[in-house]
Amino acid sequence: MNSMVALGKKFTRNIQDNKRRLLSAKYELRRKLYKAFVQDPELPPEMREAHRYKLSKLPRNSSFTRIRNRCIFTGRPRAVYEKFRMSRIVFRGLAARGALQGVKKASW
Protein backbone atom coordinates (compact mmCIF):
# COMPACT_ATOMS: atom_id res chain seq x y z
CA MET A 1 0.00 0.00 0.00
CA ASN A 2 2.83 2.39 0.87
CA SER A 3 4.40 1.99 -2.57
CA MET A 4 1.08 2.90 -4.22
CA VAL A 5 1.00 6.18 -2.28
CA ALA A 6 4.55 6.97 -3.41
CA LEU A 7 3.63 6.06 -6.98
CA GLY A 8 0.65 8.39 -6.85
CA LYS A 9 2.83 11.26 -5.62
CA LYS A 10 5.23 10.81 -8.52
CA PHE A 11 2.44 11.03 -11.07
CA THR A 12 0.93 13.98 -9.24
CA ARG A 13 4.23 15.83 -9.57
CA ASN A 14 4.30 15.12 -13.31
CA ILE A 15 0.72 16.34 -13.65
CA GLN A 16 1.54 19.54 -11.71
CA ASP A 17 4.57 20.14 -13.90
CA ASN A 18 2.48 19.64 -17.03
CA LYS A 19 -0.08 22.17 -15.77
CA ARG A 20 2.75 24.64 -15.16
CA ARG A 21 4.00 24.11 -18.72
CA LEU A 22 0.53 24.81 -20.11
CA LEU A 23 0.13 27.94 -17.96
CA SER A 24 3.58 29.19 -18.99
CA ALA A 25 2.71 28.80 -22.65
CA LYS A 26 -0.64 30.55 -22.15
CA TYR A 27 0.78 33.61 -20.36
CA GLU A 28 4.18 33.77 -22.08
CA LEU A 29 3.42 36.70 -24.38
CA ARG A 30 1.64 38.73 -21.70
CA ARG A 31 4.44 38.15 -19.19
CA LYS A 32 7.14 39.20 -21.67
CA LEU A 33 5.18 42.32 -22.60
CA TYR A 34 4.72 43.41 -18.98
CA LYS A 35 8.39 42.75 -18.24
CA ALA A 36 9.44 44.83 -21.22
CA PHE A 37 7.30 47.74 -20.00
CA VAL A 38 8.67 47.44 -16.46
CA GLN A 39 12.30 47.41 -17.59
CA ASP A 40 11.98 50.31 -20.04
CA PRO A 41 13.55 53.41 -18.39
CA GLU A 42 12.01 55.71 -21.04
CA LEU A 43 8.46 55.17 -19.74
CA PRO A 44 6.95 57.28 -16.94
CA PRO A 45 7.14 55.70 -13.45
CA GLU A 46 3.33 55.48 -13.11
CA MET A 47 3.05 53.40 -16.26
CA ARG A 48 5.91 51.13 -15.20
CA GLU A 49 4.32 50.67 -11.78
CA ALA A 50 0.96 49.81 -13.37
CA HIS A 51 2.60 47.10 -15.49
CA ARG A 52 4.56 45.83 -12.49
CA TYR A 53 1.24 45.42 -10.69
CA LYS A 54 -0.25 43.55 -13.68
CA LEU A 55 2.83 41.31 -13.76
CA SER A 56 2.38 40.50 -10.07
CA LYS A 57 -1.27 39.53 -10.69
CA LEU A 58 -0.37 36.82 -13.20
CA PRO A 59 -0.50 33.26 -11.82
CA ARG A 60 2.74 32.24 -10.12
CA ASN A 61 2.79 28.91 -11.89
CA SER A 62 2.84 30.71 -15.25
CA SER A 63 6.51 31.60 -14.69
CA PHE A 64 9.07 29.57 -16.63
CA THR A 65 11.30 29.32 -13.57
CA ARG A 66 8.72 27.07 -11.94
CA ILE A 67 8.96 24.42 -14.66
CA ARG A 68 11.02 21.41 -13.67
CA ASN A 69 12.23 18.70 -16.04
CA ARG A 70 11.02 15.40 -14.64
CA CYS A 71 11.37 11.78 -15.66
CA ILE A 72 8.20 10.64 -17.41
CA PHE A 73 8.55 7.15 -15.91
CA THR A 74 9.51 7.80 -12.29
CA GLY A 75 8.88 11.51 -11.72
CA ARG A 76 12.48 11.98 -10.61
CA PRO A 77 13.44 15.70 -10.78
CA ARG A 78 17.21 15.35 -10.99
CA ALA A 79 19.60 13.89 -13.57
CA VAL A 80 16.98 13.97 -16.33
CA TYR A 81 18.11 13.82 -19.96
CA GLU A 82 16.11 16.55 -21.66
CA LYS A 83 16.14 14.86 -25.07
CA PHE A 84 14.65 11.61 -23.77
CA ARG A 85 12.73 13.09 -20.78
CA MET A 86 13.88 10.26 -18.53
CA SER A 87 16.26 9.98 -15.63
CA ARG A 88 19.74 8.55 -15.97
CA ILE A 89 18.69 5.45 -14.02
CA VAL A 90 15.76 4.59 -16.32
CA PHE A 91 17.80 5.52 -19.39
CA ARG A 92 20.60 3.16 -18.40
CA GLY A 93 18.19 0.29 -17.81
CA LEU A 94 16.37 0.74 -21.10
CA ALA A 95 19.61 1.19 -23.04
CA ALA A 96 21.06 -1.99 -21.52
CA ARG A 97 17.97 -3.95 -22.59
CA GLY A 98 18.12 -2.47 -26.08
CA ALA A 99 14.73 -0.76 -25.74
CA LEU A 100 16.04 2.59 -27.04
CA GLN A 101 16.63 2.69 -30.78
CA GLY A 102 20.07 3.94 -31.79
CA VAL A 103 21.46 3.82 -28.26
CA LYS A 104 24.07 1.28 -27.24
CA LYS A 105 26.71 1.05 -24.57
CA ALA A 106 29.97 2.69 -25.52
CA SER A 107 33.03 0.52 -25.93
CA TRP A 108 36.47 1.44 -27.18
PDB file of N, CA and C in Angstrom:
ATOM      1  N   MET A   1       0.828  -1.196   0.000  1.00  0.00           N
ATOM      2  CA  MET A   1       0.000   0.000   0.000  1.00  0.00           C
ATOM      3  C   MET A   1       0.867   1.253   0.000  1.00  0.00           C
ATOM      4  N   ASN A   2       1.958   1.227   0.759  1.00  0.00           N
ATOM      5  CA  ASN A   2       2.830   2.394   0.870  1.00  0.00           C
ATOM      6  C   ASN A   2       3.473   2.739  -0.468  1.00  0.00           C
ATOM      7  N   SER A   3       3.806   1.722  -1.264  1.00  0.00           N
ATOM      8  CA  SER A   3       4.404   1.986  -2.573  1.00  0.00           C
ATOM      9  C   SER A   3       3.395   2.615  -3.527  1.00  0.00           C
ATOM     10  N   MET A   4       2.110   2.296  -3.376  1.00  0.00           N
ATOM     11  CA  MET A   4       1.075   2.896  -4.218  1.00  0.00           C
ATOM     12  C   MET A   4       0.931   4.389  -3.921  1.00  0.00           C
ATOM     13  N   VAL A   5       1.072   4.764  -2.654  1.00  0.00           N
ATOM     14  CA  VAL A   5       0.998   6.176  -2.279  1.00  0.00           C
ATOM     15  C   VAL A   5       2.170   6.926  -2.892  1.00  0.00           C
ATOM     16  N   ALA A   6       3.365   6.338  -2.822  1.00  0.00           N
ATOM     17  CA  ALA A   6       4.546   6.967  -3.414  1.00  0.00           C
ATOM     18  C   ALA A   6       4.400   7.062  -4.924  1.00  0.00           C
ATOM     19  N   LEU A   7       3.836   6.052  -5.537  1.00  0.00           N
ATOM     20  CA  LEU A   7       3.632   6.056  -6.983  1.00  0.00           C
ATOM     21  C   LEU A   7       2.656   7.155  -7.382  1.00  0.00           C
ATOM     22  N   GLY A   8       1.621   7.338  -6.587  1.00  0.00           N
ATOM     23  CA  GLY A   8       0.649   8.393  -6.850  1.00  0.00           C
ATOM     24  C   GLY A   8       1.262   9.773  -6.743  1.00  0.00           C
ATOM     25  N   LYS A   9       2.162   9.969  -5.787  1.00  0.00           N
ATOM     26  CA  LYS A   9       2.825  11.263  -5.616  1.00  0.00           C
ATOM     27  C   LYS A   9       3.686  11.597  -6.830  1.00  0.00           C
ATOM     28  N   LYS A  10       4.362  10.587  -7.369  1.00  0.00           N
ATOM     29  CA  LYS A  10       5.233  10.812  -8.523  1.00  0.00           C
ATOM     30  C   LYS A  10       4.411  11.281  -9.717  1.00  0.00           C
ATOM     31  N   PHE A  11       3.271  10.631  -9.946  1.00  0.00           N
ATOM     32  CA  PHE A  11       2.442  11.027 -11.071  1.00  0.00           C
ATOM     33  C   PHE A  11       1.799  12.382 -10.830  1.00  0.00           C
ATOM     34  N   THR A  12       1.492  12.677  -9.570  1.00  0.00           N
ATOM     35  CA  THR A  12       0.932  13.983  -9.237  1.00  0.00           C
ATOM     36  C   THR A  12       1.935  15.074  -9.553  1.00  0.00           C
ATOM     37  N   ARG A  13       3.191  14.840  -9.265  1.00  0.00           N
ATOM     38  CA  ARG A  13       4.235  15.825  -9.574  1.00  0.00           C
ATOM     39  C   ARG A  13       4.338  16.056 -11.078  1.00  0.00           C
ATOM     40  N   ASN A  14       4.250  14.983 -11.853  1.00  0.00           N
ATOM     41  CA  ASN A  14       4.304  15.122 -13.309  1.00  0.00           C
ATOM     42  C   ASN A  14       3.088  15.887 -13.829  1.00  0.00           C
ATOM     43  N   ILE A  15       1.936  15.640 -13.242  1.00  0.00           N
ATOM     44  CA  ILE A  15       0.719  16.341 -13.653  1.00  0.00           C
ATOM     45  C   ILE A  15       0.835  17.824 -13.306  1.00  0.00           C
ATOM     46  N   GLN A  16       1.342  18.132 -12.110  1.00  0.00           N
ATOM     47  CA  GLN A  16       1.543  19.535 -11.712  1.00  0.00           C
ATOM     48  C   GLN A  16       2.508  20.227 -12.658  1.00  0.00           C
ATOM     49  N   ASP A  17       3.582  19.549 -13.000  1.00  0.00           N
ATOM     50  CA  ASP A  17       4.569  20.136 -13.903  1.00  0.00           C
ATOM     51  C   ASP A  17       3.959  20.383 -15.284  1.00  0.00           C
ATOM     52  N   ASN A  18       3.132  19.460 -15.739  1.00  0.00           N
ATOM     53  CA  ASN A  18       2.481  19.643 -17.033  1.00  0.00           C
ATOM     54  C   ASN A  18       1.533  20.841 -17.002  1.00  0.00           C
ATOM     55  N   LYS A  19       0.807  21.018 -15.906  1.00  0.00           N
ATOM     56  CA  LYS A  19      -0.082  22.175 -15.768  1.00  0.00           C
ATOM     57  C   LYS A  19       0.724  23.471 -15.792  1.00  0.00           C
ATOM     58  N   ARG A  20       1.879  23.454 -15.145  1.00  0.00           N
ATOM     59  CA  ARG A  20       2.747  24.637 -15.162  1.00  0.00           C
ATOM     60  C   ARG A  20       3.227  24.945 -16.573  1.00  0.00           C
ATOM     61  N   ARG A  21       3.567  23.907 -17.329  1.00  0.00           N
ATOM     62  CA  ARG A  21       4.000  24.108 -18.718  1.00  0.00           C
ATOM     63  C   ARG A  21       2.884  24.737 -19.554  1.00  0.00           C
ATOM     64  N   LEU A  22       1.661  24.256 -19.364  1.00  0.00           N
ATOM     65  CA  LEU A  22       0.533  24.811 -20.115  1.00  0.00           C
ATOM     66  C   LEU A  22       0.274  26.266 -19.730  1.00  0.00           C
ATOM     67  N   LEU A  23       0.329  26.561 -18.421  1.00  0.00           N
ATOM     68  CA  LEU A  23       0.133  27.939 -17.963  1.00  0.00           C
ATOM     69  C   LEU A  23       1.227  28.860 -18.492  1.00  0.00           C
ATOM     70  N   SER A  24       2.457  28.378 -18.495  1.00  0.00           N
ATOM     71  CA  SER A  24       3.575  29.188 -18.995  1.00  0.00           C
ATOM     72  C   SER A  24       3.378  29.525 -20.462  1.00  0.00           C
ATOM     73  N   ALA A  25       2.937  28.562 -21.224  1.00  0.00           N
ATOM     74  CA  ALA A  25       2.707  28.802 -22.649  1.00  0.00           C
ATOM     75  C   ALA A  25       1.555  29.793 -22.853  1.00  0.00           C
ATOM     76  N   LYS A  26       0.532  29.681 -22.018  1.00  0.00           N
ATOM     77  CA  LYS A  26      -0.639  30.547 -22.146  1.00  0.00           C
ATOM     78  C   LYS A  26      -0.303  32.012 -21.853  1.00  0.00           C
ATOM     79  N   TYR A  27       0.483  32.245 -20.812  1.00  0.00           N
ATOM     80  CA  TYR A  27       0.776  33.607 -20.361  1.00  0.00           C
ATOM     81  C   TYR A  27       2.129  34.136 -20.838  1.00  0.00           C
ATOM     82  N   GLU A  28       2.818  33.389 -21.680  1.00  0.00           N
ATOM     83  CA  GLU A  28       4.177  33.767 -22.082  1.00  0.00           C
ATOM     84  C   GLU A  28       4.228  35.161 -22.714  1.00  0.00           C
ATOM     85  N   LEU A  29       3.387  35.421 -23.674  1.00  0.00           N
ATOM     86  CA  LEU A  29       3.421  36.696 -24.383  1.00  0.00           C
ATOM     87  C   LEU A  29       3.081  37.863 -23.449  1.00  0.00           C
ATOM     88  N   ARG A  30       2.048  37.684 -22.639  1.00  0.00           N
ATOM     89  CA  ARG A  30       1.642  38.729 -21.702  1.00  0.00           C
ATOM     90  C   ARG A  30       2.755  39.038 -20.698  1.00  0.00           C
ATOM     91  N   ARG A  31       3.366  37.976 -20.177  1.00  0.00           N
ATOM     92  CA  ARG A  31       4.436  38.155 -19.186  1.00  0.00           C
ATOM     93  C   ARG A  31       5.623  38.893 -19.800  1.00  0.00           C
ATOM     94  N   LYS A  32       6.016  38.532 -21.005  1.00  0.00           N
ATOM     95  CA  LYS A  32       7.142  39.196 -21.665  1.00  0.00           C
ATOM     96  C   LYS A  32       6.829  40.665 -21.954  1.00  0.00           C
ATOM     97  N   LEU A  33       5.596  40.942 -22.335  1.00  0.00           N
ATOM     98  CA  LEU A  33       5.181  42.319 -22.602  1.00  0.00           C
ATOM     99  C   LEU A  33       5.252  43.170 -21.337  1.00  0.00           C
ATOM    100  N   TYR A  34       4.690  42.667 -20.247  1.00  0.00           N
ATOM    101  CA  TYR A  34       4.721  43.409 -18.979  1.00  0.00           C
ATOM    102  C   TYR A  34       6.152  43.635 -18.516  1.00  0.00           C
ATOM    103  N   LYS A  35       6.990  42.618 -18.646  1.00  0.00           N
ATOM    104  CA  LYS A  35       8.387  42.751 -18.239  1.00  0.00           C
ATOM    105  C   LYS A  35       9.106  43.804 -19.067  1.00  0.00           C
ATOM    106  N   ALA A  36       8.810  43.841 -20.358  1.00  0.00           N
ATOM    107  CA  ALA A  36       9.441  44.833 -21.224  1.00  0.00           C
ATOM    108  C   ALA A  36       9.038  46.247 -20.806  1.00  0.00           C
ATOM    109  N   PHE A  37       7.761  46.435 -20.467  1.00  0.00           N
ATOM    110  CA  PHE A  37       7.304  47.743 -20.004  1.00  0.00           C
ATOM    111  C   PHE A  37       7.960  48.130 -18.681  1.00  0.00           C
ATOM    112  N   VAL A  38       8.087  47.173 -17.776  1.00  0.00           N
ATOM    113  CA  VAL A  38       8.668  47.444 -16.455  1.00  0.00           C
ATOM    114  C   VAL A  38      10.141  47.817 -16.573  1.00  0.00           C
ATOM    115  N   GLN A  39      10.853  47.190 -17.478  1.00  0.00           N
ATOM    116  CA  GLN A  39      12.297  47.410 -17.585  1.00  0.00           C
ATOM    117  C   GLN A  39      12.675  48.572 -18.492  1.00  0.00           C
ATOM    118  N   ASP A  40      11.694  49.197 -19.136  1.00  0.00           N
ATOM    119  CA  ASP A  40      11.982  50.309 -20.039  1.00  0.00           C
ATOM    120  C   ASP A  40      12.131  51.615 -19.253  1.00  0.00           C
ATOM    121  N   PRO A  41      13.344  52.192 -19.175  1.00  0.00           N
ATOM    122  CA  PRO A  41      13.549  53.413 -18.389  1.00  0.00           C
ATOM    123  C   PRO A  41      12.957  54.665 -19.045  1.00  0.00           C
ATOM    124  N   GLU A  42      12.582  54.571 -20.313  1.00  0.00           N
ATOM    125  CA  GLU A  42      12.012  55.709 -21.036  1.00  0.00           C
ATOM    126  C   GLU A  42      10.572  56.010 -20.598  1.00  0.00           C
ATOM    127  N   LEU A  43       9.859  55.004 -20.111  1.00  0.00           N
ATOM    128  CA  LEU A  43       8.456  55.173 -19.741  1.00  0.00           C
ATOM    129  C   LEU A  43       8.315  55.919 -18.419  1.00  0.00           C
ATOM    130  N   PRO A  44       7.185  56.607 -18.219  1.00  0.00           N
ATOM    131  CA  PRO A  44       6.952  57.283 -16.936  1.00  0.00           C
ATOM    132  C   PRO A  44       6.797  56.266 -15.799  1.00  0.00           C
ATOM    133  N   PRO A  45       7.184  56.646 -14.596  1.00  0.00           N
ATOM    134  CA  PRO A  45       7.139  55.704 -13.455  1.00  0.00           C
ATOM    135  C   PRO A  45       5.743  55.148 -13.165  1.00  0.00           C
ATOM    136  N   GLU A  46       4.694  55.959 -13.388  1.00  0.00           N
ATOM    137  CA  GLU A  46       3.328  55.481 -13.111  1.00  0.00           C
ATOM    138  C   GLU A  46       2.957  54.314 -14.028  1.00  0.00           C
ATOM    139  N   MET A  47       3.354  54.457 -15.297  1.00  0.00           N
ATOM    140  CA  MET A  47       3.047  53.399 -16.260  1.00  0.00           C
ATOM    141  C   MET A  47       3.836  52.130 -15.932  1.00  0.00           C
ATOM    142  N   ARG A  48       5.088  52.286 -15.564  1.00  0.00           N
ATOM    143  CA  ARG A  48       5.910  51.130 -15.199  1.00  0.00           C
ATOM    144  C   ARG A  48       5.336  50.440 -13.970  1.00  0.00           C
ATOM    145  N   GLU A  49       4.899  51.226 -12.998  1.00  0.00           N
ATOM    146  CA  GLU A  49       4.320  50.667 -11.778  1.00  0.00           C
ATOM    147  C   GLU A  49       3.015  49.927 -12.084  1.00  0.00           C
ATOM    148  N   ALA A  50       2.214  50.474 -12.991  1.00  0.00           N
ATOM    149  CA  ALA A  50       0.964  49.814 -13.371  1.00  0.00           C
ATOM    150  C   ALA A  50       1.233  48.451 -14.012  1.00  0.00           C
ATOM    151  N   HIS A  51       2.261  48.374 -14.861  1.00  0.00           N
ATOM    152  CA  HIS A  51       2.597  47.097 -15.492  1.00  0.00           C
ATOM    153  C   HIS A  51       3.268  46.142 -14.511  1.00  0.00           C
ATOM    154  N   ARG A  52       3.980  46.676 -13.543  1.00  0.00           N
ATOM    155  CA  ARG A  52       4.564  45.830 -12.491  1.00  0.00           C
ATOM    156  C   ARG A  52       3.447  45.184 -11.681  1.00  0.00           C
ATOM    157  N   TYR A  53       2.396  45.955 -11.421  1.00  0.00           N
ATOM    158  CA  TYR A  53       1.240  45.421 -10.692  1.00  0.00           C
ATOM    159  C   TYR A  53       0.556  44.323 -11.507  1.00  0.00           C
ATOM    160  N   LYS A  54       0.357  44.560 -12.806  1.00  0.00           N
ATOM    161  CA  LYS A  54      -0.253  43.550 -13.675  1.00  0.00           C
ATOM    162  C   LYS A  54       0.595  42.281 -13.725  1.00  0.00           C
ATOM    163  N   LEU A  55       1.918  42.460 -13.754  1.00  0.00           N
ATOM    164  CA  LEU A  55       2.827  41.310 -13.763  1.00  0.00           C
ATOM    165  C   LEU A  55       2.682  40.507 -12.473  1.00  0.00           C
ATOM    166  N   SER A  56       2.513  41.200 -11.358  1.00  0.00           N
ATOM    167  CA  SER A  56       2.382  40.502 -10.075  1.00  0.00           C
ATOM    168  C   SER A  56       1.047  39.774  -9.958  1.00  0.00           C
ATOM    169  N   LYS A  57       0.046  40.179 -10.738  1.00  0.00           N
ATOM    170  CA  LYS A  57      -1.266  39.534 -10.691  1.00  0.00           C
ATOM    171  C   LYS A  57      -1.377  38.297 -11.579  1.00  0.00           C
ATOM    172  N   LEU A  58      -0.372  38.046 -12.405  1.00  0.00           N
ATOM    173  CA  LEU A  58      -0.368  36.820 -13.201  1.00  0.00           C
ATOM    174  C   LEU A  58      -0.183  35.619 -12.279  1.00  0.00           C
ATOM    175  N   PRO A  59      -0.680  34.451 -12.667  1.00  0.00           N
ATOM    176  CA  PRO A  59      -0.500  33.258 -11.823  1.00  0.00           C
ATOM    177  C   PRO A  59       0.982  32.936 -11.615  1.00  0.00           C
ATOM    178  N   ARG A  60       1.331  32.560 -10.414  1.00  0.00           N
ATOM    179  CA  ARG A  60       2.736  32.237 -10.117  1.00  0.00           C
ATOM    180  C   ARG A  60       3.236  31.065 -10.934  1.00  0.00           C
ATOM    181  N   ASN A  61       2.379  30.102 -11.143  1.00  0.00           N
ATOM    182  CA  ASN A  61       2.792  28.913 -11.894  1.00  0.00           C
ATOM    183  C   ASN A  61       2.942  29.176 -13.382  1.00  0.00           C
ATOM    184  N   SER A  62       2.659  30.393 -13.833  1.00  0.00           N
ATOM    185  CA  SER A  62       2.844  30.715 -15.249  1.00  0.00           C
ATOM    186  C   SER A  62       4.272  31.170 -15.530  1.00  0.00           C
ATOM    187  N   SER A  63       5.111  31.207 -14.514  1.00  0.00           N
ATOM    188  CA  SER A  63       6.510  31.604 -14.690  1.00  0.00           C
ATOM    189  C   SER A  63       7.334  30.404 -15.158  1.00  0.00           C
ATOM    190  N   PHE A  64       8.249  30.662 -16.102  1.00  0.00           N
ATOM    191  CA  PHE A  64       9.072  29.573 -16.633  1.00  0.00           C
ATOM    192  C   PHE A  64      10.051  29.028 -15.596  1.00  0.00           C
ATOM    193  N   THR A  65      10.359  29.810 -14.588  1.00  0.00           N
ATOM    194  CA  THR A  65      11.301  29.320 -13.575  1.00  0.00           C
ATOM    195  C   THR A  65      10.684  28.234 -12.704  1.00  0.00           C
ATOM    196  N   ARG A  66       9.380  28.099 -12.742  1.00  0.00           N
ATOM    197  CA  ARG A  66       8.715  27.065 -11.938  1.00  0.00           C
ATOM    198  C   ARG A  66       8.656  25.712 -12.638  1.00  0.00           C
ATOM    199  N   ILE A  67       8.989  25.681 -13.913  1.00  0.00           N
ATOM    200  CA  ILE A  67       8.960  24.421 -14.664  1.00  0.00           C
ATOM    201  C   ILE A  67      10.182  23.589 -14.284  1.00  0.00           C
ATOM    202  N   ARG A  68       9.947  22.318 -14.054  1.00  0.00           N
ATOM    203  CA  ARG A  68      11.022  21.410 -13.667  1.00  0.00           C
ATOM    204  C   ARG A  68      11.006  20.213 -14.608  1.00  0.00           C
ATOM    205  N   ASN A  69      12.148  19.899 -15.197  1.00  0.00           N
ATOM    206  CA  ASN A  69      12.226  18.704 -16.043  1.00  0.00           C
ATOM    207  C   ASN A  69      12.160  17.479 -15.156  1.00  0.00           C
ATOM    208  N   ARG A  70      11.205  16.604 -15.431  1.00  0.00           N
ATOM    209  CA  ARG A  70      11.018  15.396 -14.636  1.00  0.00           C
ATOM    210  C   ARG A  70      11.009  14.171 -15.538  1.00  0.00           C
ATOM    211  N   CYS A  71      11.403  13.055 -14.953  1.00  0.00           N
ATOM    212  CA  CYS A  71      11.375  11.780 -15.662  1.00  0.00           C
ATOM    213  C   CYS A  71       9.917  11.381 -15.886  1.00  0.00           C
ATOM    214  N   ILE A  72       9.580  11.003 -17.114  1.00  0.00           N
ATOM    215  CA  ILE A  72       8.196  10.641 -17.408  1.00  0.00           C
ATOM    216  C   ILE A  72       7.830   9.265 -16.849  1.00  0.00           C
ATOM    217  N   PHE A  73       8.817   8.475 -16.467  1.00  0.00           N
ATOM    218  CA  PHE A  73       8.547   7.153 -15.907  1.00  0.00           C
ATOM    219  C   PHE A  73       8.473   7.162 -14.387  1.00  0.00           C
ATOM    220  N   THR A  74       9.426   7.862 -13.741  1.00  0.00           N
ATOM    221  CA  THR A  74       9.513   7.804 -12.290  1.00  0.00           C
ATOM    222  C   THR A  74       9.159   9.117 -11.601  1.00  0.00           C
ATOM    223  N   GLY A  75       9.152  10.221 -12.325  1.00  0.00           N
ATOM    224  CA  GLY A  75       8.881  11.515 -11.718  1.00  0.00           C
ATOM    225  C   GLY A  75      10.104  12.123 -11.055  1.00  0.00           C
ATOM    226  N   ARG A  76      11.249  11.502 -11.231  1.00  0.00           N
ATOM    227  CA  ARG A  76      12.480  11.981 -10.609  1.00  0.00           C
ATOM    228  C   ARG A  76      12.854  13.356 -11.181  1.00  0.00           C
ATOM    229  N   PRO A  77      13.153  14.348 -10.300  1.00  0.00           N
ATOM    230  CA  PRO A  77      13.440  15.699 -10.784  1.00  0.00           C
ATOM    231  C   PRO A  77      14.889  15.964 -11.145  1.00  0.00           C
ATOM    232  N   ARG A  78      15.787  15.088 -10.742  1.00  0.00           N
ATOM    233  CA  ARG A  78      17.209  15.346 -10.985  1.00  0.00           C
ATOM    234  C   ARG A  78      17.786  14.344 -11.968  1.00  0.00           C
ATOM    235  N   ALA A  79      18.879  14.744 -12.612  1.00  0.00           N
ATOM    236  CA  ALA A  79      19.600  13.889 -13.567  1.00  0.00           C
ATOM    237  C   ALA A  79      18.664  13.387 -14.663  1.00  0.00           C
ATOM    238  N   VAL A  80      17.925  14.314 -15.271  1.00  0.00           N
ATOM    239  CA  VAL A  80      16.983  13.973 -16.328  1.00  0.00           C
ATOM    240  C   VAL A  80      17.576  14.415 -17.662  1.00  0.00           C
ATOM    241  N   TYR A  81      17.657  13.477 -18.618  1.00  0.00           N
ATOM    242  CA  TYR A  81      18.109  13.816 -19.959  1.00  0.00           C
ATOM    243  C   TYR A  81      16.959  14.506 -20.674  1.00  0.00           C
ATOM    244  N   GLU A  82      17.171  15.743 -21.078  1.00  0.00           N
ATOM    245  CA  GLU A  82      16.107  16.548 -21.662  1.00  0.00           C
ATOM    246  C   GLU A  82      15.598  15.956 -22.975  1.00  0.00           C
ATOM    247  N   LYS A  83      16.511  15.412 -23.765  1.00  0.00           N
ATOM    248  CA  LYS A  83      16.136  14.862 -25.071  1.00  0.00           C
ATOM    249  C   LYS A  83      15.196  13.666 -24.938  1.00  0.00           C
ATOM    250  N   PHE A  84      15.445  12.820 -23.954  1.00  0.00           N
ATOM    251  CA  PHE A  84      14.648  11.614 -23.768  1.00  0.00           C
ATOM    252  C   PHE A  84      13.565  11.769 -22.707  1.00  0.00           C
ATOM    253  N   ARG A  85      13.647  12.821 -21.890  1.00  0.00           N
ATOM    254  CA  ARG A  85      12.731  13.095 -20.778  1.00  0.00           C
ATOM    255  C   ARG A  85      12.651  11.923 -19.799  1.00  0.00           C
ATOM    256  N   MET A  86      13.819  11.331 -19.525  1.00  0.00           N
ATOM    257  CA  MET A  86      13.883  10.264 -18.532  1.00  0.00           C
ATOM    258  C   MET A  86      15.158  10.412 -17.720  1.00  0.00           C
ATOM    259  N   SER A  87      15.113   9.860 -16.519  1.00  0.00           N
ATOM    260  CA  SER A  87      16.261   9.982 -15.627  1.00  0.00           C
ATOM    261  C   SER A  87      17.390   9.071 -16.092  1.00  0.00           C
ATOM    262  N   ARG A  88      18.563   9.329 -15.583  1.00  0.00           N
ATOM    263  CA  ARG A  88      19.739   8.546 -15.972  1.00  0.00           C
ATOM    264  C   ARG A  88      19.577   7.084 -15.593  1.00  0.00           C
ATOM    265  N   ILE A  89      18.865   6.819 -14.502  1.00  0.00           N
ATOM    266  CA  ILE A  89      18.686   5.448 -14.021  1.00  0.00           C
ATOM    267  C   ILE A  89      17.801   4.657 -14.987  1.00  0.00           C
ATOM    268  N   VAL A  90      16.670   5.243 -15.373  1.00  0.00           N
ATOM    269  CA  VAL A  90      15.756   4.588 -16.316  1.00  0.00           C
ATOM    270  C   VAL A  90      16.419   4.467 -17.680  1.00  0.00           C
ATOM    271  N   PHE A  91      17.117   5.520 -18.091  1.00  0.00           N
ATOM    272  CA  PHE A  91      17.804   5.519 -19.387  1.00  0.00           C
ATOM    273  C   PHE A  91      18.807   4.372 -19.467  1.00  0.00           C
ATOM    274  N   ARG A  92      19.579   4.212 -18.411  1.00  0.00           N
ATOM    275  CA  ARG A  92      20.605   3.164 -18.403  1.00  0.00           C
ATOM    276  C   ARG A  92      19.974   1.779 -18.506  1.00  0.00           C
ATOM    277  N   GLY A  93      18.875   1.585 -17.762  1.00  0.00           N
ATOM    278  CA  GLY A  93      18.193   0.292 -17.814  1.00  0.00           C
ATOM    279  C   GLY A  93      17.612  -0.024 -19.176  1.00  0.00           C
ATOM    280  N   LEU A  94      16.964   0.957 -19.785  1.00  0.00           N
ATOM    281  CA  LEU A  94      16.367   0.740 -21.104  1.00  0.00           C
ATOM    282  C   LEU A  94      17.436   0.555 -22.178  1.00  0.00           C
ATOM    283  N   ALA A  95      18.528   1.316 -22.066  1.00  0.00           N
ATOM    284  CA  ALA A  95      19.612   1.185 -23.044  1.00  0.00           C
ATOM    285  C   ALA A  95      20.280  -0.186 -22.933  1.00  0.00           C
ATOM    286  N   ALA A  96      20.432  -0.690 -21.725  1.00  0.00           N
ATOM    287  CA  ALA A  96      21.064  -1.990 -21.516  1.00  0.00           C
ATOM    288  C   ALA A  96      20.202  -3.118 -22.109  1.00  0.00           C
ATOM    289  N   ARG A  97      18.877  -2.944 -22.042  1.00  0.00           N
ATOM    290  CA  ARG A  97      17.966  -3.951 -22.591  1.00  0.00           C
ATOM    291  C   ARG A  97      17.770  -3.812 -24.090  1.00  0.00           C
ATOM    292  N   GLY A  98      18.269  -2.703 -24.654  1.00  0.00           N
ATOM    293  CA  GLY A  98      18.117  -2.470 -26.083  1.00  0.00           C
ATOM    294  C   GLY A  98      16.759  -1.905 -26.452  1.00  0.00           C
ATOM    295  N   ALA A  99      16.077  -1.293 -25.493  1.00  0.00           N
ATOM    296  CA  ALA A  99      14.732  -0.761 -25.740  1.00  0.00           C
ATOM    297  C   ALA A  99      14.760   0.617 -26.394  1.00  0.00           C
ATOM    298  N   LEU A 100      15.923   1.266 -26.417  1.00  0.00           N
ATOM    299  CA  LEU A 100      16.039   2.589 -27.042  1.00  0.00           C
ATOM    300  C   LEU A 100      16.734   2.423 -28.385  1.00  0.00           C
ATOM    301  N   GLN A 101      16.053   2.831 -29.431  1.00  0.00           N
ATOM    302  CA  GLN A 101      16.629   2.687 -30.775  1.00  0.00           C
ATOM    303  C   GLN A 101      17.810   3.639 -30.945  1.00  0.00           C
ATOM    304  N   GLY A 102      18.885   3.126 -31.502  1.00  0.00           N
ATOM    305  CA  GLY A 102      20.070   3.939 -31.794  1.00  0.00           C
ATOM    306  C   GLY A 102      20.948   4.206 -30.606  1.00  0.00           C
ATOM    307  N   VAL A 103      20.652   3.608 -29.466  1.00  0.00           N
ATOM    308  CA  VAL A 103      21.458   3.821 -28.260  1.00  0.00           C
ATOM    309  C   VAL A 103      22.076   2.491 -27.887  1.00  0.00           C
ATOM    310  N   LYS A 104      23.413   2.488 -27.734  1.00  0.00           N
ATOM    311  CA  LYS A 104      24.068   1.278 -27.236  1.00  0.00           C
ATOM    312  C   LYS A 104      25.210   1.688 -26.336  1.00  0.00           C
ATOM    313  N   LYS A 105      25.636   0.767 -25.517  1.00  0.00           N
ATOM    314  CA  LYS A 105      26.712   1.048 -24.573  1.00  0.00           C
ATOM    315  C   LYS A 105      28.011   1.301 -25.307  1.00  0.00           C
ATOM    316  N   ALA A 106      28.707   2.337 -24.873  1.00  0.00           N
ATOM    317  CA  ALA A 106      29.965   2.693 -25.524  1.00  0.00           C
ATOM    318  C   ALA A 106      31.048   1.675 -25.178  1.00  0.00           C
ATOM    319  N   SER A 107      31.866   1.374 -26.182  1.00  0.00           N
ATOM    320  CA  SER A 107      33.033   0.518 -25.933  1.00  0.00           C
ATOM    321  C   SER A 107      34.139   0.943 -26.880  1.00  0.00           C
ATOM    322  N   TRP A 108      35.331   1.066 -26.351  1.00  0.00           N
ATOM    323  CA  TRP A 108      36.474   1.437 -27.180  1.00  0.00           C
ATOM    324  C   TRP A 108      37.734   0.778 -26.695  1.00  0.00           C
TER     325      TRP A 108
END
